[in-house]
Amino acid sequence: MTASPPPSQPPTAATRPLSARITAAWHRKGPLAIALLPLAWCYAALGAMRRSFYRWGLCKSYRAPVPVVVVGNVIAGGAGKTPVTLHLVQALQAQGWRPAIISRGYGRENSKEPQALAATPHSDPRLVGDEPLLMAQRSGVPVYVAARRATAAQAVLQAHPDVDVLVCDDGLQHLALARDVEIAVFNAQGIGNGWQLPAGPLREPWPKRLDMVLYAGQPPQHLAATGAAAWPLQRSLAPYAVGQDGRRHALADLRDRPVHALAAIAYPQEFFTMLQAQGLQLLRSDALPDHAPLDDPQWLASLGIAASSGPTIAAADAPVLLCTEKDAHKLWRIAPQALAVPLEVAIDPAFAAHVHALLRQRQAALSLIKKD
């Protein structure tokens, strides 16, 4: 009988990759963060110069003929933008809008090609990106990716002239696309130590003017100075896991089984903690780089994951392989026995109503411009 893989051990400060140590340093103004301040000042100066170029008109922004909503981050790393985007799209549809989603498709193989590409439920995640594929499958609306989100916006409007609102997944800092509503999503870490990259998690100075803020945990510092309407964001795992065949498996039925958890997201430990909160026993947990390709059989074998030619039924005492929904379609190519656990969000309905009101105002303004 093949022995089960040993439980993974938490890395020590000495064995963690430099990127992980830098991310950990963002929580306080410690020695490593202070040492990175000169680089942060350079990053901040370049960002300020770029924003000035757009403000002075030296760089042009594309103004779409329909309203644009940007759901993005002020901080680096995952905060739940994709689930929020899906939640918002569903809410807009319920209010009579015909939305489409645009994205850069971070992590895809052809991410620097200028052409836009449609992401469909059957697309290859290596070509369109894992998050756009997930959004195409979950939303049922047009999803387009391009290196420049403005290019994706033009492509989707040409292919789908009935679309009347664009929802941009990420892109608060992508000034080449003009926007009408800006929504920033924060995880429980807030703004961290309040410094810009790489000394801290901020992609741009904070506070900044925003329309709305969604936050997990406590409200981020200096929220009132943004002028944004704000709501708490509740994130939780679905009570089930989904197999490659679409079947759902209640997590409660897996509580007596050993679990091998895998996550290639910005903060994988949050996924592992949520699984444990569901009463699951993690025999092993593997935290991989965000958007890791998950298509190398030898690499997965080193993690104790055997490649398979089709779905398999594991023995009752064998570990159940669980992954995030974002990782599933890449992992299923090698390990079709894996089960994906979706992440769900809960937001006050007043959030969607506020977005709807702002969009109606912008739509009316665009109609007046067209008449002139």
Protein backbone atom coordinates (compact mmCIF):
# COMPACT_ATOMS: atom_id res chain seq x y z
CA MET A 1 0.00 0.00 0.00
CA THR A 2 1.35 3.43 -0.89
CA ALA A 3 2.05 5.57 2.13
CA SER A 4 0.14 8.82 2.47
CA PRO A 5 2.22 11.97 2.02
CA PRO A 6 3.39 13.47 5.29
CA PRO A 7 1.67 16.59 6.53
CA SER A 8 3.29 19.72 5.21
CA GLN A 9 5.22 21.70 7.79
CA PRO A 10 4.84 25.47 8.14
CA PRO A 11 7.93 27.19 6.74
CA THR A 12 10.26 28.96 9.12
CA ALA A 13 11.42 32.54 8.62
CA ALA A 14 14.70 31.19 7.26
CA THR A 15 13.12 28.80 4.74
CA ARG A 16 10.33 31.01 3.40
CA PRO A 17 10.91 32.53 -0.06
CA LEU A 18 11.91 36.19 -0.13
CA SER A 19 8.54 37.12 -1.63
CA ALA A 20 6.74 35.52 1.33
CA ARG A 21 8.99 37.31 3.81
CA ILE A 22 8.33 40.64 2.10
CA THR A 23 4.57 40.01 2.18
CA ALA A 24 4.78 39.19 5.88
CA ALA A 25 6.78 42.40 6.45
CA TRP A 26 3.89 44.47 5.09
CA HIS A 27 1.99 44.08 8.36
CA ARG A 28 4.35 46.29 10.36
CA LYS A 29 7.01 48.93 9.95
CA GLY A 30 9.83 46.56 10.82
CA PRO A 31 13.46 46.28 9.68
CA LEU A 32 12.75 44.62 6.32
CA ALA A 33 10.00 47.11 5.41
CA ILE A 34 12.25 50.01 6.38
CA ALA A 35 15.09 48.61 4.26
CA LEU A 36 12.73 48.56 1.27
CA LEU A 37 11.64 52.18 1.68
CA PRO A 38 14.07 53.60 -0.94
CA LEU A 39 12.54 51.28 -3.54
CA ALA A 40 9.08 52.28 -2.36
CA TRP A 41 9.94 55.96 -2.86
CA CYS A 42 11.03 55.22 -6.44
CA TYR A 43 7.84 53.24 -7.06
CA ALA A 44 5.74 56.07 -5.62
CA ALA A 45 7.53 58.69 -7.76
CA LEU A 46 6.98 56.69 -10.96
CA GLY A 47 3.33 56.17 -10.09
CA ALA A 48 2.81 59.86 -9.38
CA MET A 49 4.46 60.78 -12.69
CA ARG A 50 2.25 58.35 -14.59
CA ARG A 51 -0.92 59.69 -12.96
CA SER A 52 0.19 63.23 -13.79
CA PHE A 53 0.61 62.32 -17.47
CA TYR A 54 -3.04 61.24 -17.61
CA ARG A 55 -4.20 64.27 -15.62
CA TRP A 56 -2.35 66.66 -17.96
CA GLY A 57 -3.64 64.88 -21.07
CA LEU A 58 -0.22 63.63 -22.19
CA CYS A 59 -1.63 60.10 -21.99
CA LYS A 60 -5.16 59.44 -23.20
CA SER A 61 -7.87 57.33 -21.63
CA TYR A 62 -10.42 55.41 -23.69
CA ARG A 63 -13.97 56.49 -22.85
CA ALA A 64 -16.39 53.65 -23.57
CA PRO A 65 -19.86 54.51 -24.91
CA VAL A 66 -21.39 52.67 -21.94
CA PRO A 67 -20.77 53.06 -18.19
CA VAL A 68 -17.72 51.28 -16.76
CA VAL A 69 -17.40 49.87 -13.23
CA VAL A 70 -13.94 48.93 -11.96
CA VAL A 71 -13.69 46.40 -9.13
CA GLY A 72 -10.10 46.53 -7.95
CA ASN A 73 -7.47 46.62 -5.26
CA VAL A 74 -5.52 49.43 -3.67
CA ILE A 75 -3.37 46.72 -2.05
CA ALA A 76 -1.32 43.98 -3.68
CA GLY A 77 -2.56 40.43 -3.37
CA GLY A 78 -5.95 38.78 -3.24
CA ALA A 79 -8.88 40.49 -1.58
CA GLY A 80 -11.82 38.75 -3.25
CA LYS A 81 -12.23 40.86 -6.39
CA THR A 82 -13.41 37.99 -8.57
CA PRO A 83 -16.23 36.84 -6.25
CA VAL A 84 -17.28 40.48 -5.85
CA THR A 85 -17.30 40.93 -9.64
CA LEU A 86 -19.51 37.86 -10.03
CA HIS A 87 -21.82 39.06 -7.25
CA LEU A 88 -22.09 42.49 -8.88
CA VAL A 89 -22.77 41.08 -12.35
CA GLN A 90 -25.59 38.95 -10.97
CA ALA A 91 -27.06 41.93 -9.13
CA LEU A 92 -26.88 44.12 -12.25
CA GLN A 93 -28.65 41.47 -14.31
CA ALA A 94 -31.42 41.33 -11.70
CA GLN A 95 -31.83 45.10 -12.14
CA GLY A 96 -32.20 44.81 -15.92
CA TRP A 97 -28.65 45.61 -17.01
CA ARG A 98 -26.81 43.65 -19.71
CA PRO A 99 -23.24 43.51 -18.37
CA ALA A 100 -20.00 42.15 -19.76
CA ILE A 101 -16.73 41.52 -17.94
CA ILE A 102 -13.29 42.65 -19.07
CA SER A 103 -9.97 41.61 -17.55
CA ARG A 104 -6.26 41.49 -18.18
CA GLY A 105 -6.25 37.74 -17.60
CA TYR A 106 -3.21 37.80 -15.36
CA GLY A 107 -1.00 34.72 -15.52
CA ARG A 108 -2.02 33.56 -19.00
CA GLU A 109 0.64 32.51 -21.50
CA ASN A 110 -0.12 35.19 -24.12
CA SER A 111 -0.73 38.04 -21.69
CA LYS A 112 1.45 40.52 -23.64
CA GLU A 113 -0.28 40.03 -27.00
CA PRO A 114 -2.25 43.18 -27.88
CA GLN A 115 -5.30 41.40 -29.31
CA ALA A 116 -8.38 40.81 -27.18
CA LEU A 117 -9.59 37.27 -26.62
CA ALA A 118 -13.01 36.01 -25.61
CA ALA A 119 -13.06 33.75 -22.56
CA THR A 120 -15.77 31.10 -22.83
CA PRO A 121 -16.76 28.31 -20.43
CA HIS A 122 -14.67 25.94 -22.54
CA SER A 123 -11.56 28.11 -22.97
CA ASP A 124 -8.08 26.93 -22.08
CA PRO A 125 -7.08 28.65 -18.80
CA ARG A 126 -3.52 28.86 -20.12
CA LEU A 127 -4.76 31.17 -22.90
CA VAL A 128 -7.40 33.27 -21.13
CA GLY A 129 -6.34 33.04 -17.47
CA ASP A 130 -7.84 31.12 -14.58
CA GLU A 131 -10.01 33.93 -13.21
CA PRO A 132 -11.59 34.94 -16.57
CA LEU A 133 -12.40 31.27 -17.22
CA LEU A 134 -14.06 31.02 -13.82
CA MET A 135 -16.05 34.22 -14.46
CA ALA A 136 -17.14 33.00 -17.91
CA GLN A 137 -18.43 29.77 -16.40
CA ARG A 138 -20.13 31.32 -13.40
CA SER A 139 -21.58 34.53 -14.89
CA GLY A 140 -22.94 33.51 -18.30
CA VAL A 141 -22.08 36.99 -19.65
CA PRO A 142 -19.43 37.91 -22.26
CA VAL A 143 -15.91 37.92 -20.82
CA TYR A 144 -12.97 39.39 -22.76
CA VAL A 145 -9.29 39.61 -21.85
CA ALA A 146 -6.50 41.76 -23.25
CA ALA A 147 -3.18 43.21 -22.12
CA ARG A 148 -4.92 46.61 -22.13
CA ARG A 149 -8.37 46.56 -20.61
CA ALA A 150 -9.37 49.37 -22.98
CA THR A 151 -8.72 46.96 -25.86
CA ALA A 152 -10.90 44.33 -24.20
CA ALA A 153 -13.65 46.92 -23.75
CA GLN A 154 -13.62 47.85 -27.43
CA ALA A 155 -13.65 44.20 -28.49
CA VAL A 156 -16.54 43.13 -26.31
CA LEU A 157 -18.69 46.10 -27.35
CA GLN A 158 -18.04 45.38 -31.01
CA ALA A 159 -18.91 41.69 -30.61
CA HIS A 160 -21.87 42.29 -28.26
CA PRO A 161 -23.54 45.63 -29.11
CA ASP A 162 -26.37 44.91 -26.64
CA VAL A 163 -24.02 45.23 -23.67
CA ASP A 164 -24.88 48.38 -21.69
CA VAL A 165 -22.38 48.24 -18.80
CA LEU A 166 -18.80 46.99 -18.48
CA VAL A 167 -17.49 45.50 -15.25
CA CYS A 168 -13.71 45.54 -15.12
CA ASP A 169 -12.17 42.84 -12.93
CA ASP A 170 -9.17 44.61 -11.37
CA GLY A 171 -7.69 47.71 -12.98
CA LEU A 172 -7.99 50.60 -10.53
CA GLN A 173 -4.49 51.59 -11.63
CA HIS A 174 -5.20 50.98 -15.37
CA LEU A 175 -5.80 54.63 -16.25
CA ALA A 176 -5.96 53.94 -19.99
CA LEU A 177 -9.60 52.99 -19.41
CA ALA A 178 -11.90 55.77 -18.15
CA ARG A 179 -14.34 54.63 -15.51
CA ASP A 180 -17.57 55.83 -13.98
CA VAL A 181 -17.65 53.85 -10.74
CA GLU A 182 -14.60 52.74 -8.72
CA ILE A 183 -14.93 50.00 -6.10
CA ALA A 184 -11.98 48.97 -3.93
CA VAL A 185 -11.99 45.60 -2.15
CA PHE A 186 -9.94 45.03 1.03
CA ASN A 187 -9.11 41.82 2.82
CA ALA A 188 -8.84 41.57 6.59
CA GLN A 189 -5.29 43.01 6.55
CA GLY A 190 -6.57 46.45 5.51
CA ILE A 191 -3.79 48.77 4.36
CA GLY A 192 -1.10 46.91 6.32
CA ASN A 193 1.71 49.22 7.39
CA GLY A 194 0.39 51.98 5.11
CA TRP A 195 3.47 52.09 2.86
CA GLN A 196 3.65 51.60 -0.89
CA LEU A 197 5.25 48.65 -2.68
CA PRO A 198 7.59 46.98 -1.98
CA ALA A 199 7.90 48.31 1.59
CA GLY A 200 4.15 47.88 2.10
CA PRO A 201 1.09 46.50 0.30
CA LEU A 202 -0.23 49.74 -1.25
CA ARG A 203 -0.24 50.03 -5.04
CA GLU A 204 -0.91 53.77 -4.82
CA PRO A 205 -1.21 56.43 -2.11
CA TRP A 206 -3.93 55.96 0.48
CA PRO A 207 -6.43 57.44 1.12
CA LYS A 208 -7.67 58.08 -2.42
CA ARG A 209 -11.04 59.21 -3.75
CA LEU A 210 -13.35 56.27 -4.41
CA ASP A 211 -17.03 55.62 -4.96
CA MET A 212 -17.31 52.49 -2.83
CA VAL A 213 -15.24 50.31 -0.53
CA LEU A 214 -15.91 46.71 0.48
CA TYR A 215 -13.87 45.34 3.35
CA ALA A 216 -13.43 42.06 5.21
CA GLY A 217 -12.71 42.44 8.91
CA GLN A 218 -12.30 45.98 10.21
CA PRO A 219 -12.72 49.05 7.95
CA PRO A 220 -9.40 50.18 6.48
CA GLN A 221 -7.74 53.16 8.13
CA HIS A 222 -8.60 56.64 6.84
CA LEU A 223 -11.73 55.33 5.11
CA ALA A 224 -13.69 58.54 5.78
CA ALA A 225 -11.14 60.58 3.80
CA THR A 226 -11.97 58.62 0.62
CA GLY A 227 -15.54 59.92 0.46
CA ALA A 228 -16.61 56.37 -0.37
CA ALA A 229 -19.76 54.57 0.64
CA ALA A 230 -18.60 51.44 2.46
CA TRP A 231 -19.99 48.02 3.37
CA PRO A 232 -18.52 44.99 5.14
CA LEU A 233 -17.77 41.96 2.98
CA GLN A 234 -18.43 38.47 4.29
CA ARG A 235 -16.38 35.75 2.59
CA SER A 236 -16.97 32.05 3.20
CA LEU A 237 -16.58 28.72 1.48
CA ALA A 238 -19.60 27.08 -0.09
CA PRO A 239 -20.84 24.10 1.95
CA TYR A 240 -19.94 21.79 -0.92
CA ALA A 241 -17.11 20.88 -3.28
CA VAL A 242 -17.55 20.39 -7.03
CA GLY A 243 -16.03 17.59 -9.08
CA GLN A 244 -14.91 17.73 -12.70
CA ASP A 245 -18.21 16.08 -13.67
CA GLY A 246 -20.18 18.87 -11.99
CA ARG A 247 -21.39 16.77 -9.08
CA ARG A 248 -21.53 18.42 -5.68
CA HIS A 249 -20.10 16.78 -2.58
CA ALA A 250 -21.17 18.14 0.81
CA LEU A 251 -18.17 19.20 2.88
CA ALA A 252 -19.93 17.76 5.91
CA ASP A 253 -19.57 14.30 4.32
CA LEU A 254 -15.79 14.78 4.10
CA ARG A 255 -15.19 15.54 7.77
CA ASP A 256 -14.16 11.96 8.52
CA ARG A 257 -11.77 11.80 5.56
CA PRO A 258 -8.15 13.02 5.49
CA VAL A 259 -7.79 16.03 3.19
CA HIS A 260 -4.90 17.16 0.97
CA ALA A 261 -5.55 20.85 0.29
CA LEU A 262 -3.87 22.84 -2.48
CA ALA A 263 -4.16 26.53 -3.28
CA ALA A 264 -2.36 28.73 -5.84
CA ILE A 265 -3.79 32.06 -4.72
CA ALA A 266 -2.43 35.21 -3.11
CA TYR A 267 -3.25 34.15 0.46
CA PRO A 268 -3.55 30.33 0.44
CA GLN A 269 -3.55 30.08 4.22
CA GLU A 270 -6.97 31.72 4.27
CA PHE A 271 -8.32 28.84 2.16
CA PHE A 272 -6.79 26.26 4.50
CA THR A 273 -8.19 28.04 7.55
CA MET A 274 -11.67 28.14 6.01
CA LEU A 275 -11.50 24.41 5.29
CA GLN A 276 -10.56 23.71 8.90
CA ALA A 277 -13.42 25.93 10.05
CA GLN A 278 -15.73 23.57 8.15
CA GLY A 279 -14.47 20.74 10.35
CA LEU A 280 -12.17 19.16 7.75
CA GLN A 281 -8.96 17.39 8.74
CA LEU A 282 -6.01 18.69 6.70
CA LEU A 283 -3.49 15.90 6.39
CA ARG A 284 -1.43 18.11 4.10
CA SER A 285 -1.70 21.64 2.71
CA ASP A 286 0.37 22.99 -0.18
CA ALA A 287 0.56 26.75 -0.70
CA LEU A 288 1.67 27.50 -4.26
CA PRO A 289 2.45 30.78 -6.08
CA ASP A 290 -0.57 32.77 -7.21
CA HIS A 291 -1.74 31.65 -10.69
CA ALA A 292 0.69 28.69 -10.69
CA PRO A 293 0.14 26.66 -13.91
CA LEU A 294 -0.47 23.27 -12.20
CA ASP A 295 0.23 21.37 -15.43
CA ASP A 296 3.54 19.65 -14.67
CA PRO A 297 3.00 15.97 -13.70
CA GLN A 298 6.47 15.63 -12.15
CA TRP A 299 5.97 18.75 -10.06
CA LEU A 300 2.56 17.58 -8.84
CA ALA A 301 4.01 14.15 -8.12
CA SER A 302 6.48 15.84 -5.77
CA LEU A 303 3.42 17.13 -3.89
CA GLY A 304 2.04 13.62 -3.61
CA ILE A 305 -0.49 14.12 -6.44
CA ALA A 306 -0.52 11.38 -9.06
CA ALA A 307 -1.47 12.17 -12.65
CA SER A 308 -4.56 10.32 -13.89
CA SER A 309 -6.22 9.81 -17.25
CA GLY A 310 -9.69 10.19 -15.86
CA PRO A 311 -11.80 10.65 -12.72
CA THR A 312 -11.00 8.14 -10.03
CA ILE A 313 -12.81 6.99 -6.92
CA ALA A 314 -10.46 7.20 -3.97
CA ALA A 315 -10.48 4.58 -1.24
CA ALA A 316 -12.41 5.50 1.88
CA ASP A 317 -9.18 6.10 3.81
CA ALA A 318 -7.37 7.93 0.98
CA PRO A 319 -6.88 11.71 1.21
CA VAL A 320 -9.41 13.84 -0.63
CA LEU A 321 -7.71 16.40 -2.88
CA LEU A 322 -9.37 19.81 -2.44
CA CYS A 323 -8.44 23.00 -4.29
CA THR A 324 -9.83 26.47 -4.87
CA GLU A 325 -12.33 27.00 -7.64
CA LYS A 326 -9.80 29.20 -9.45
CA ASP A 327 -7.24 26.38 -9.54
CA ALA A 328 -9.63 23.60 -10.49
CA HIS A 329 -9.57 23.69 -14.28
CA LYS A 330 -5.79 23.67 -14.38
CA LEU A 331 -5.51 20.91 -11.79
CA TRP A 332 -8.20 18.76 -13.40
CA ARG A 333 -5.99 18.34 -16.48
CA ILE A 334 -3.59 16.28 -14.37
CA ALA A 335 -5.65 15.23 -11.37
CA PRO A 336 -9.33 14.88 -12.39
CA GLN A 337 -10.10 13.37 -8.99
CA ALA A 338 -9.67 16.81 -7.36
CA LEU A 339 -12.66 18.62 -5.90
CA ALA A 340 -13.02 22.41 -6.02
CA VAL A 341 -14.51 24.42 -3.16
CA PRO A 342 -16.14 27.70 -4.32
CA LEU A 343 -15.72 30.95 -2.41
CA GLU A 344 -18.91 32.88 -1.77
CA VAL A 345 -19.45 36.49 -0.70
CA ALA A 346 -22.31 38.18 1.11
CA ILE A 347 -22.83 41.94 0.74
CA ASP A 348 -25.60 44.23 1.94
CA PRO A 349 -28.17 44.69 -0.89
CA ALA A 350 -27.70 48.44 -0.46
CA PHE A 351 -24.34 48.03 -2.22
CA ALA A 352 -25.90 46.86 -5.48
CA ALA A 353 -28.63 49.48 -5.22
CA HIS A 354 -25.99 52.20 -4.87
CA VAL A 355 -24.09 50.93 -7.93
CA HIS A 356 -27.36 50.86 -9.89
CA ALA A 357 -28.13 54.48 -8.96
CA LEU A 358 -24.66 55.71 -9.96
CA LEU A 359 -24.85 53.85 -13.26
CA ARG A 360 -28.27 55.32 -14.10
CA GLN A 361 -26.83 58.79 -13.51
CA ARG A 362 -23.88 58.08 -15.79
CA GLN A 363 -26.10 56.48 -18.43
CA ALA A 364 -28.25 59.61 -18.50
CA ALA A 365 -25.15 61.78 -18.87
CA LEU A 366 -23.90 59.65 -21.77
CA SER A 367 -27.28 59.96 -23.48
CA LEU A 368 -27.06 63.75 -23.29
CA ILE A 369 -23.55 63.67 -24.76
CA LYS A 370 -24.71 61.51 -27.67
CA LYS A 371 -27.61 63.89 -28.40
CA ASP A 372 -25.24 66.86 -28.53
